Amino acid sequence: MTRVRHPYLDHPSPLAFAHRGGTANGLENTAAAFRRAAAAGYRYFETDVHTTSDGVLVAFHDETLDRVTDTSGRIRDLPWAAVREARVAGKEPLPLFEDLLEEFPEARWNVDLKAESALAPLIDLIRRTGAWDRVCVGSFTESRVARAQRLAGPKLATSFGVRGVVGLRLRSWGIPAALRAGAVAAQVPERQAGVPIVDRRFVREAHARGLQVHVWTVNDPARMSSLLDLGVDGIMTDHLETLRGVLTDRGAWV
C-alpha cells in the first residue's frame, strides 16, 4: 500500500467504497442507500453531483431523471422545486449533497463531477462546511478536475481523469507521458475498451508516485480478491455485503 498524501485517505487500506450507496437494492444515490451502507459499516461513499437550473447541488448520477425515477427531464433544465418531487424507484427523493454531508458526518465522499455547472457550487459547499478532509473530487474530464483543484487549492483531494489514467498506464509501460500534479489517487476500471488498466505494473507505477489505486465497479468476489492481491488500495462496489465479506475473510475489514 502507498503512503497517505491527504487526510481524506487517512484510513487503513484497502478502502471499501459504497458505489452510489450500493445500487443492488435499486435506490442508488439516495439517503436510504447511504443509510444502509453506513449500517453495514461503510465509511467511504461514492456519489455524483449535478446542478438544477437554479443552481442547487443534487446527488444523482444521470443527466436526466428518466432511468431511475418516476419523473423525466434533464436536471439542468429543471428547478429544484420540480426535481425534489421526483422519486427514485417511486420511493425515495433525490438528496442534496449538502444534506448528505450533514447526515453522515463520519463519512468520506468520492464525488464525481458530472457537470461543469456543479464545479463552483461543490467547491463553495466544501469550503463553507470545512469538509476538505471528507471529499475527493473526480471526473472523467481531466480539465474539469484540474479547474476544481486550481479553484480550491491543495486542501482539495482529487483523482485523475481519463487523461491522467492514460498517462499513468503509459508510464507503467515505460512510455513517457505528462501527469497532472496534485492528484492523490487513480480511480479506474479494471479494463477499458478491451485494454487492461489494472495490473501489477500499473499499481507499482502509481505507488511509486504516491498515488493510491481505487478500482470501480467490482461486484464479483473472485475479482475483488485478485485486485487486492495486486495491492490496490480501494474497491468500489454495488454489492456491499460481498465486498465486506471478502475483506473480512482477509482480516482487512475495518
Foldseek 3Di string as FASTA:
>chain_A
DFDADALLLPDFFQAEEAEQLFCPVQQGVFPVSVVVLVVLPHQEYEWEWDAACVGFIWTDDDQWPPPFWPDTDGRNDHHPVVQQPIAGNDHTGTDGVLVVCVVRVRHAYEYEYPDLSVLVVVLVSCVVVVCLSRYEYEYLDQVSQVVSCVVNDLSHEYEGHVQQLVQLQCVLVVHHDDHDPRHAAHEEECADPPHGRDDLSSCVSQSVVNHAYEYDDDDDLVVVVVNVVSPHGYYYYSDSVSNQVSCVVVVRRD
